[in-house]
PDB file of N, CA and C in Angstrom:
ATOM      1  N   UNK A   1     144.593  35.937  11.061  1.00  0.00           N
ATOM      2  CA  UNK A   1     143.872  34.804  10.523  1.00  0.00           C
ATOM      3  C   UNK A   1     143.688  33.791  11.649  1.00  0.00           C
ATOM      4  N   UNK A   2     142.483  33.334  11.820  1.00  0.00           N
ATOM      5  CA  UNK A   2     142.224  32.375  12.883  1.00  0.00           C
ATOM      6  C   UNK A   2     142.579  30.978  12.429  1.00  0.00           C
ATOM      7  N   UNK A   3     142.671  30.055  13.364  1.00  0.00           N
ATOM      8  CA  UNK A   3     143.018  28.671  13.053  1.00  0.00           C
ATOM      9  C   UNK A   3     141.933  28.038  12.188  1.00  0.00           C
ATOM     10  N   UNK A   4     140.696  28.371  12.476  1.00  0.00           N
ATOM     11  CA  UNK A   4     139.581  27.804  11.702  1.00  0.00           C
ATOM     12  C   UNK A   4     139.646  28.268  10.244  1.00  0.00           C
ATOM     13  N   UNK A   5     139.968  29.506  10.003  1.00  0.00           N
ATOM     14  CA  UNK A   5     140.087  30.040   8.645  1.00  0.00           C
ATOM     15  C   UNK A   5     141.274  29.411   7.925  1.00  0.00           C
ATOM     16  N   UNK A   6     142.362  29.242   8.658  1.00  0.00           N
ATOM     17  CA  UNK A   6     143.562  28.640   8.078  1.00  0.00           C
ATOM     18  C   UNK A   6     143.301  27.188   7.681  1.00  0.00           C
ATOM     19  N   UNK A   7     142.625  26.439   8.529  1.00  0.00           N
ATOM     20  CA  UNK A   7     142.297  25.041   8.219  1.00  0.00           C
ATOM     21  C   UNK A   7     141.365  24.968   7.022  1.00  0.00           C
ATOM     22  N   UNK A   8     140.416  25.850   6.923  1.00  0.00           N
ATOM     23  CA  UNK A   8     139.498  25.867   5.785  1.00  0.00           C
ATOM     24  C   UNK A   8     140.238  26.169   4.488  1.00  0.00           C
ATOM     25  N   UNK A   9     141.161  27.114   4.535  1.00  0.00           N
ATOM     26  CA  UNK A   9     141.931  27.465   3.340  1.00  0.00           C
ATOM     27  C   UNK A   9     142.821  26.314   2.909  1.00  0.00           C
ATOM     28  N   UNK A  10     143.474  25.668   3.858  1.00  0.00           N
ATOM     29  CA  UNK A  10     144.316  24.519   3.536  1.00  0.00           C
ATOM     30  C   UNK A  10     143.496  23.352   2.997  1.00  0.00           C
ATOM     31  N   UNK A  11     142.343  23.100   3.565  1.00  0.00           N
ATOM     32  CA  UNK A  11     141.470  22.021   3.085  1.00  0.00           C
ATOM     33  C   UNK A  11     141.033  22.279   1.654  1.00  0.00           C
ATOM     34  N   UNK A  12     140.704  23.521   1.339  1.00  0.00           N
ATOM     35  CA  UNK A  12     140.297  23.863  -0.022  1.00  0.00           C
ATOM     36  C   UNK A  12     141.456  23.691  -0.992  1.00  0.00           C
ATOM     37  N   UNK A  13     142.662  24.054  -0.581  1.00  0.00           N
ATOM     38  CA  UNK A  13     143.831  23.908  -1.442  1.00  0.00           C
ATOM     39  C   UNK A  13     144.144  22.433  -1.687  1.00  0.00           C
ATOM     40  N   UNK A  14     144.061  21.621  -0.656  1.00  0.00           N
ATOM     41  CA  UNK A  14     144.312  20.178  -0.802  1.00  0.00           C
ATOM     42  C   UNK A  14     143.254  19.552  -1.700  1.00  0.00           C
ATOM     43  N   UNK A  15     142.012  19.899  -1.506  1.00  0.00           N
ATOM     44  CA  UNK A  15     140.933  19.358  -2.329  1.00  0.00           C
ATOM     45  C   UNK A  15     141.116  19.752  -3.791  1.00  0.00           C
ATOM     46  N   UNK A  16     141.496  20.985  -4.058  1.00  0.00           N
ATOM     47  CA  UNK A  16     141.721  21.428  -5.433  1.00  0.00           C
ATOM     48  C   UNK A  16     142.877  20.672  -6.061  1.00  0.00           C
ATOM     49  N   UNK A  17     143.944  20.443  -5.303  1.00  0.00           N
ATOM     50  CA  UNK A  17     145.095  19.697  -5.810  1.00  0.00           C
ATOM     51  C   UNK A  17     144.713  18.273  -6.156  1.00  0.00           C
ATOM     52  N   UNK A  18     143.942  17.633  -5.308  1.00  0.00           N
ATOM     53  CA  UNK A  18     143.515  16.253  -5.558  1.00  0.00           C
ATOM     54  C   UNK A  18     142.627  16.187  -6.789  1.00  0.00           C
ATOM     55  N   UNK A  19     141.684  17.093  -6.913  1.00  0.00           N
ATOM     56  CA  UNK A  19     140.780  17.077  -8.061  1.00  0.00           C
ATOM     57  C   UNK A  19     141.516  17.352  -9.368  1.00  0.00           C
ATOM     58  N   UNK A  20     142.461  18.264  -9.353  1.00  0.00           N
ATOM     59  CA  UNK A  20     143.206  18.585 -10.569  1.00  0.00           C
ATOM     60  C   UNK A  20     144.146  17.451 -10.948  1.00  0.00           C
ATOM     61  N   UNK A  21     144.830  16.877  -9.972  1.00  0.00           N
ATOM     62  CA  UNK A  21     145.814  15.842 -10.284  1.00  0.00           C
ATOM     63  C   UNK A  21     145.163  14.542 -10.747  1.00  0.00           C
ATOM     64  N   UNK A  22     143.991  14.201 -10.251  1.00  0.00           N
ATOM     65  CA  UNK A  22     143.350  12.964 -10.704  1.00  0.00           C
ATOM     66  C   UNK A  22     142.831  13.094 -12.124  1.00  0.00           C
ATOM     67  N   UNK A  23     142.480  14.291 -12.554  1.00  0.00           N
ATOM     68  CA  UNK A  23     141.981  14.473 -13.903  1.00  0.00           C
ATOM     69  C   UNK A  23     143.082  14.525 -14.953  1.00  0.00           C
ATOM     70  N   UNK A  24     144.288  14.869 -14.551  1.00  0.00           N
ATOM     71  CA  UNK A  24     145.347  15.025 -15.532  1.00  0.00           C
ATOM     72  C   UNK A  24     146.201  13.773 -15.698  1.00  0.00           C
ATOM     73  N   UNK A  25     145.998  12.778 -14.887  1.00  0.00           N
ATOM     74  CA  UNK A  25     146.794  11.551 -15.001  1.00  0.00           C
ATOM     75  C   UNK A  25     146.385  10.794 -16.258  1.00  0.00           C
ATOM     76  N   UNK A  26     147.381  10.299 -16.987  1.00  0.00           N
ATOM     77  CA  UNK A  26     147.094   9.527 -18.197  1.00  0.00           C
ATOM     78  C   UNK A  26     147.497   8.083 -17.963  1.00  0.00           C
ATOM     79  N   UNK A  27     146.741   7.191 -18.499  1.00  0.00           N
ATOM     80  CA  UNK A  27     147.021   5.763 -18.353  1.00  0.00           C
ATOM     81  C   UNK A  27     148.126   5.345 -19.323  1.00  0.00           C
ATOM     82  N   UNK A  28     148.918   4.399 -18.890  1.00  0.00           N
ATOM     83  CA  UNK A  28     149.969   3.866 -19.751  1.00  0.00           C
ATOM     84  C   UNK A  28     149.328   3.061 -20.878  1.00  0.00           C
ATOM     85  N   UNK A  29     149.918   3.055 -22.066  1.00  0.00           N
ATOM     86  CA  UNK A  29     149.340   2.279 -23.162  1.00  0.00           C
ATOM     87  C   UNK A  29     149.352   0.781 -22.845  1.00  0.00           C
ATOM     88  N   UNK A  30     148.335   0.107 -23.308  1.00  0.00           N
ATOM     89  CA  UNK A  30     148.191  -1.327 -23.099  1.00  0.00           C
ATOM     90  C   UNK A  30     148.436  -2.031 -24.436  1.00  0.00           C
ATOM     91  N   UNK A  31     149.374  -2.973 -24.456  1.00  0.00           N
ATOM     92  CA  UNK A  31     149.709  -3.719 -25.670  1.00  0.00           C
ATOM     93  C   UNK A  31     149.527  -5.208 -25.400  1.00  0.00           C
ATOM     94  N   UNK A  32     148.916  -5.897 -26.338  1.00  0.00           N
ATOM     95  CA  UNK A  32     148.709  -7.338 -26.213  1.00  0.00           C
ATOM     96  C   UNK A  32     148.878  -7.994 -27.579  1.00  0.00           C
ATOM     97  N   UNK A  33     149.234  -9.267 -27.564  1.00  0.00           N
ATOM     98  CA  UNK A  33     149.366 -10.039 -28.798  1.00  0.00           C
ATOM     99  C   UNK A  33     148.303 -11.125 -28.822  1.00  0.00           C
ATOM    100  N   UNK A  34     147.766 -11.353 -30.024  1.00  0.00           N
ATOM    101  CA  UNK A  34     146.709 -12.341 -30.203  1.00  0.00           C
ATOM    102  C   UNK A  34     147.075 -13.272 -31.347  1.00  0.00           C
ATOM    103  N   UNK A  35     146.990 -14.563 -31.086  1.00  0.00           N
ATOM    104  CA  UNK A  35     147.287 -15.567 -32.107  1.00  0.00           C
ATOM    105  C   UNK A  35     145.980 -16.029 -32.723  1.00  0.00           C
ATOM    106  N   UNK A  36     145.937 -15.998 -34.033  1.00  0.00           N
ATOM    107  CA  UNK A  36     144.776 -16.470 -34.763  1.00  0.00           C
ATOM    108  C   UNK A  36     145.143 -17.683 -35.602  1.00  0.00           C
ATOM    109  N   UNK A  37     144.324 -18.712 -35.534  1.00  0.00           N
ATOM    110  CA  UNK A  37     144.550 -19.937 -36.306  1.00  0.00           C
ATOM    111  C   UNK A  37     143.386 -20.144 -37.271  1.00  0.00           C
ATOM    112  N   UNK A  38     143.704 -20.669 -38.454  1.00  0.00           N
ATOM    113  CA  UNK A  38     142.665 -20.936 -39.430  1.00  0.00           C
ATOM    114  C   UNK A  38     143.022 -22.108 -40.310  1.00  0.00           C
ATOM    115  N   UNK A  39     142.007 -22.845 -40.678  1.00  0.00           N
ATOM    116  CA  UNK A  39     142.196 -23.930 -41.645  1.00  0.00           C
ATOM    117  C   UNK A  39     140.954 -24.001 -42.526  1.00  0.00           C
ATOM    118  N   UNK A  40     141.186 -24.386 -43.783  1.00  0.00           N
ATOM    119  CA  UNK A  40     140.097 -24.425 -44.738  1.00  0.00           C
ATOM    120  C   UNK A  40     140.465 -25.350 -45.891  1.00  0.00           C
ATOM    121  N   UNK A  41     139.520 -26.145 -46.304  1.00  0.00           N
ATOM    122  CA  UNK A  41     139.774 -26.994 -47.464  1.00  0.00           C
ATOM    123  C   UNK A  41     139.524 -26.234 -48.770  1.00  0.00           C
ATOM    124  N   UNK A  42     139.020 -24.990 -48.671  1.00  0.00           N
ATOM    125  CA  UNK A  42     138.760 -24.165 -49.852  1.00  0.00           C
ATOM    126  C   UNK A  42     139.788 -23.066 -50.056  1.00  0.00           C
ATOM    127  N   UNK A  43     140.815 -22.983 -49.200  1.00  0.00           N
ATOM    128  CA  UNK A  43     141.863 -21.989 -49.366  1.00  0.00           C
ATOM    129  C   UNK A  43     141.628 -20.672 -48.658  1.00  0.00           C
ATOM    130  N   UNK A  44     140.768 -20.630 -47.651  1.00  0.00           N
ATOM    131  CA  UNK A  44     140.481 -19.395 -46.923  1.00  0.00           C
ATOM    132  C   UNK A  44     141.158 -19.339 -45.562  1.00  0.00           C
ATOM    133  N   UNK A  45     142.205 -20.111 -45.338  1.00  0.00           N
ATOM    134  CA  UNK A  45     142.826 -20.214 -44.016  1.00  0.00           C
ATOM    135  C   UNK A  45     143.344 -18.864 -43.515  1.00  0.00           C
ATOM    136  N   UNK A  46     143.927 -18.051 -44.398  1.00  0.00           N
ATOM    137  CA  UNK A  46     144.443 -16.750 -43.966  1.00  0.00           C
ATOM    138  C   UNK A  46     143.316 -15.872 -43.432  1.00  0.00           C
ATOM    139  N   UNK A  47     142.205 -15.845 -44.127  1.00  0.00           N
ATOM    140  CA  UNK A  47     141.075 -15.025 -43.674  1.00  0.00           C
ATOM    141  C   UNK A  47     140.526 -15.526 -42.339  1.00  0.00           C
ATOM    142  N   UNK A  48     140.438 -16.839 -42.183  1.00  0.00           N
ATOM    143  CA  UNK A  48     139.943 -17.399 -40.920  1.00  0.00           C
ATOM    144  C   UNK A  48     140.910 -17.111 -39.778  1.00  0.00           C
ATOM    145  N   UNK A  49     142.217 -17.184 -40.033  1.00  0.00           N
ATOM    146  CA  UNK A  49     143.208 -16.895 -38.997  1.00  0.00           C
ATOM    147  C   UNK A  49     143.140 -15.425 -38.588  1.00  0.00           C
ATOM    148  N   UNK A  50     143.004 -14.534 -39.553  1.00  0.00           N
ATOM    149  CA  UNK A  50     142.896 -13.103 -39.229  1.00  0.00           C
ATOM    150  C   UNK A  50     141.606 -12.801 -38.477  1.00  0.00           C
ATOM    151  N   UNK A  51     140.525 -13.447 -38.851  1.00  0.00           N
ATOM    152  CA  UNK A  51     139.260 -13.253 -38.146  1.00  0.00           C
ATOM    153  C   UNK A  51     139.362 -13.757 -36.712  1.00  0.00           C
ATOM    154  N   UNK A  52     140.061 -14.878 -36.518  1.00  0.00           N
ATOM    155  CA  UNK A  52     140.247 -15.430 -35.172  1.00  0.00           C
ATOM    156  C   UNK A  52     141.041 -14.447 -34.303  1.00  0.00           C
ATOM    157  N   UNK A  53     142.116 -13.882 -34.837  1.00  0.00           N
ATOM    158  CA  UNK A  53     142.905 -12.897 -34.087  1.00  0.00           C
ATOM    159  C   UNK A  53     142.076 -11.647 -33.799  1.00  0.00           C
ATOM    160  N   UNK A  54     141.314 -11.185 -34.775  1.00  0.00           N
ATOM    161  CA  UNK A  54     140.467  -9.995 -34.584  1.00  0.00           C
ATOM    162  C   UNK A  54     139.422 -10.234 -33.503  1.00  0.00           C
ATOM    163  N   UNK A  55     138.775 -11.397 -33.528  1.00  0.00           N
ATOM    164  CA  UNK A  55     137.766 -11.710 -32.521  1.00  0.00           C
ATOM    165  C   UNK A  55     138.360 -11.747 -31.122  1.00  0.00           C
ATOM    166  N   UNK A  56     139.580 -12.256 -30.992  1.00  0.00           N
ATOM    167  CA  UNK A  56     140.241 -12.289 -29.680  1.00  0.00           C
ATOM    168  C   UNK A  56     140.574 -10.876 -29.213  1.00  0.00           C
ATOM    169  N   UNK A  57     140.981 -10.010 -30.135  1.00  0.00           N
ATOM    170  CA  UNK A  57     141.279  -8.619 -29.780  1.00  0.00           C
ATOM    171  C   UNK A  57     140.015  -7.893 -29.331  1.00  0.00           C
ATOM    172  N   UNK A  58     138.920  -8.087 -30.027  1.00  0.00           N
ATOM    173  CA  UNK A  58     137.651  -7.463 -29.654  1.00  0.00           C
ATOM    174  C   UNK A  58     137.206  -7.963 -28.283  1.00  0.00           C
ATOM    175  N   UNK A  59     137.373  -9.258 -28.014  1.00  0.00           N
ATOM    176  CA  UNK A  59     137.004  -9.812 -26.714  1.00  0.00           C
ATOM    177  C   UNK A  59     137.843  -9.218 -25.587  1.00  0.00           C
ATOM    178  N   UNK A  60     139.060  -8.778 -25.894  1.00  0.00           N
ATOM    179  CA  UNK A  60     139.933  -8.166 -24.891  1.00  0.00           C
ATOM    180  C   UNK A  60     139.684  -6.666 -24.747  1.00  0.00           C
ATOM    181  N   UNK A  61     138.772  -6.109 -25.517  1.00  0.00           N
ATOM    182  CA  UNK A  61     138.396  -4.708 -25.347  1.00  0.00           C
ATOM    183  C   UNK A  61     138.916  -3.746 -26.392  1.00  0.00           C
ATOM    184  N   UNK A  62     139.526  -4.233 -27.447  1.00  0.00           N
ATOM    185  CA  UNK A  62     139.971  -3.350 -28.519  1.00  0.00           C
ATOM    186  C   UNK A  62     138.775  -3.069 -29.422  1.00  0.00           C
ATOM    187  N   UNK A  63     138.308  -1.822 -29.387  1.00  0.00           N
ATOM    188  CA  UNK A  63     137.082  -1.458 -30.089  1.00  0.00           C
ATOM    189  C   UNK A  63     137.244  -1.427 -31.605  1.00  0.00           C
ATOM    190  N   UNK A  64     138.420  -1.059 -32.083  1.00  0.00           N
ATOM    191  CA  UNK A  64     138.648  -0.924 -33.523  1.00  0.00           C
ATOM    192  C   UNK A  64     139.962  -1.605 -33.914  1.00  0.00           C
ATOM    193  N   UNK A  65     139.966  -2.930 -34.064  1.00  0.00           N
ATOM    194  CA  UNK A  65     141.207  -3.642 -34.380  1.00  0.00           C
ATOM    195  C   UNK A  65     141.847  -3.206 -35.699  1.00  0.00           C
ATOM    196  N   UNK A  66     141.067  -2.667 -36.611  1.00  0.00           N
ATOM    197  CA  UNK A  66     141.624  -2.243 -37.897  1.00  0.00           C
ATOM    198  C   UNK A  66     142.655  -1.122 -37.719  1.00  0.00           C
ATOM    199  N   UNK A  67     142.469  -0.253 -36.729  1.00  0.00           N
ATOM    200  CA  UNK A  67     143.405   0.838 -36.494  1.00  0.00           C
ATOM    201  C   UNK A  67     144.318   0.599 -35.292  1.00  0.00           C
ATOM    202  N   UNK A  68     143.913  -0.267 -34.381  1.00  0.00           N
ATOM    203  CA  UNK A  68     144.694  -0.486 -33.166  1.00  0.00           C
ATOM    204  C   UNK A  68     145.647  -1.673 -33.269  1.00  0.00           C
ATOM    205  N   UNK A  69     145.523  -2.485 -34.296  1.00  0.00           N
ATOM    206  CA  UNK A  69     146.308  -3.714 -34.384  1.00  0.00           C
ATOM    207  C   UNK A  69     147.105  -3.770 -35.683  1.00  0.00           C
ATOM    208  N   UNK A  70     148.189  -4.526 -35.628  1.00  0.00           N
ATOM    209  CA  UNK A  70     148.951  -4.808 -36.842  1.00  0.00           C
ATOM    210  C   UNK A  70     149.396  -6.263 -36.796  1.00  0.00           C
ATOM    211  N   UNK A  71     149.485  -6.853 -37.962  1.00  0.00           N
ATOM    212  CA  UNK A  71     149.914  -8.249 -38.082  1.00  0.00           C
ATOM    213  C   UNK A  71     151.435  -8.276 -38.040  1.00  0.00           C
ATOM    214  N   UNK A  72     151.994  -8.921 -37.013  1.00  0.00           N
ATOM    215  CA  UNK A  72     153.450  -8.921 -36.857  1.00  0.00           C
ATOM    216  C   UNK A  72     154.080 -10.239 -37.285  1.00  0.00           C
ATOM    217  N   UNK A  73     153.267 -11.294 -37.465  1.00  0.00           N
ATOM    218  CA  UNK A  73     153.809 -12.589 -37.874  1.00  0.00           C
ATOM    219  C   UNK A  73     152.715 -13.368 -38.584  1.00  0.00           C
ATOM    220  N   UNK A  74     153.099 -14.085 -39.629  1.00  0.00           N
ATOM    221  CA  UNK A  74     152.158 -14.976 -40.309  1.00  0.00           C
ATOM    222  C   UNK A  74     152.932 -16.174 -40.842  1.00  0.00           C
ATOM    223  N   UNK A  75     152.274 -17.317 -40.815  1.00  0.00           N
ATOM    224  CA  UNK A  75     152.915 -18.546 -41.251  1.00  0.00           C
ATOM    225  C   UNK A  75     151.838 -19.489 -41.769  1.00  0.00           C
ATOM    226  N   UNK A  76     152.126 -20.179 -42.832  1.00  0.00           N
ATOM    227  CA  UNK A  76     151.185 -21.174 -43.319  1.00  0.00           C
ATOM    228  C   UNK A  76     151.040 -21.145 -44.823  1.00  0.00           C
ATOM    229  N   UNK A  77     149.909 -21.696 -45.252  1.00  0.00           N
ATOM    230  CA  UNK A  77     149.568 -21.768 -46.663  1.00  0.00           C
ATOM    231  C   UNK A  77     148.067 -21.511 -46.775  1.00  0.00           C
ATOM    232  N   UNK A  78     147.496 -21.523 -47.951  1.00  0.00           N
ATOM    233  CA  UNK A  78     146.066 -21.219 -48.078  1.00  0.00           C
ATOM    234  C   UNK A  78     145.139 -22.195 -47.345  1.00  0.00           C
ATOM    235  N   UNK A  79     145.662 -23.338 -46.931  1.00  0.00           N
ATOM    236  CA  UNK A  79     144.810 -24.338 -46.302  1.00  0.00           C
ATOM    237  C   UNK A  79     145.024 -24.453 -44.786  1.00  0.00           C
ATOM    238  N   UNK A  80     146.127 -23.937 -44.280  1.00  0.00           N
ATOM    239  CA  UNK A  80     146.456 -23.942 -42.851  1.00  0.00           C
ATOM    240  C   UNK A  80     147.290 -22.702 -42.549  1.00  0.00           C
ATOM    241  N   UNK A  81     146.809 -21.827 -41.684  1.00  0.00           N
ATOM    242  CA  UNK A  81     147.532 -20.579 -41.440  1.00  0.00           C
ATOM    243  C   UNK A  81     147.480 -20.192 -39.969  1.00  0.00           C
ATOM    244  N   UNK A  82     148.488 -19.398 -39.582  1.00  0.00           N
ATOM    245  CA  UNK A  82     148.566 -18.865 -38.227  1.00  0.00           C
ATOM    246  C   UNK A  82     149.101 -17.440 -38.335  1.00  0.00           C
ATOM    247  N   UNK A  83     148.475 -16.509 -37.621  1.00  0.00           N
ATOM    248  CA  UNK A  83     148.923 -15.116 -37.602  1.00  0.00           C
ATOM    249  C   UNK A  83     149.020 -14.646 -36.152  1.00  0.00           C
ATOM    250  N   UNK A  84     149.842 -13.648 -35.930  1.00  0.00           N
ATOM    251  CA  UNK A  84     149.906 -13.000 -34.630  1.00  0.00           C
ATOM    252  C   UNK A  84     149.692 -11.508 -34.843  1.00  0.00           C
ATOM    253  N   UNK A  85     148.729 -10.969 -34.111  1.00  0.00           N
ATOM    254  CA  UNK A  85     148.429  -9.543 -34.165  1.00  0.00           C
ATOM    255  C   UNK A  85     148.909  -8.913 -32.869  1.00  0.00           C
ATOM    256  N   UNK A  86     149.469  -7.706 -32.976  1.00  0.00           N
ATOM    257  CA  UNK A  86     149.845  -6.924 -31.799  1.00  0.00           C
ATOM    258  C   UNK A  86     148.962  -5.684 -31.779  1.00  0.00           C
ATOM    259  N   UNK A  87     148.274  -5.497 -30.674  1.00  0.00           N
ATOM    260  CA  UNK A  87     147.319  -4.396 -30.561  1.00  0.00           C
ATOM    261  C   UNK A  87     147.719  -3.479 -29.404  1.00  0.00           C
ATOM    262  N   UNK A  88     147.541  -2.183 -29.602  1.00  0.00           N
ATOM    263  CA  UNK A  88     147.875  -1.188 -28.592  1.00  0.00           C
ATOM    264  C   UNK A  88     146.727  -0.196 -28.472  1.00  0.00           C
ATOM    265  N   UNK A  89     146.388   0.133 -27.226  1.00  0.00           N
ATOM    266  CA  UNK A  89     145.392   1.180 -26.968  1.00  0.00           C
ATOM    267  C   UNK A  89     145.838   2.040 -25.817  1.00  0.00           C
TER     268      UNK A  89
END
């Protein structure tokens, strides 16, 4: 085997290893928390707080907050509310 053939074979093996390894790497999950605040004189504060948290999650790149997020904390009453959502993708 000549040196030129050996270098070509090694280059092909290295290139194949790089191409295979870059395709099989998986990204670590990304988790973030979003605080939503809401107030309403008609008693819709909880809905406004949840919408605020959902909008913040969508702005951060969570495509489907209904399946990617869960409400981990809520505090308030029908007229003033605060929620915290934790989202993972």
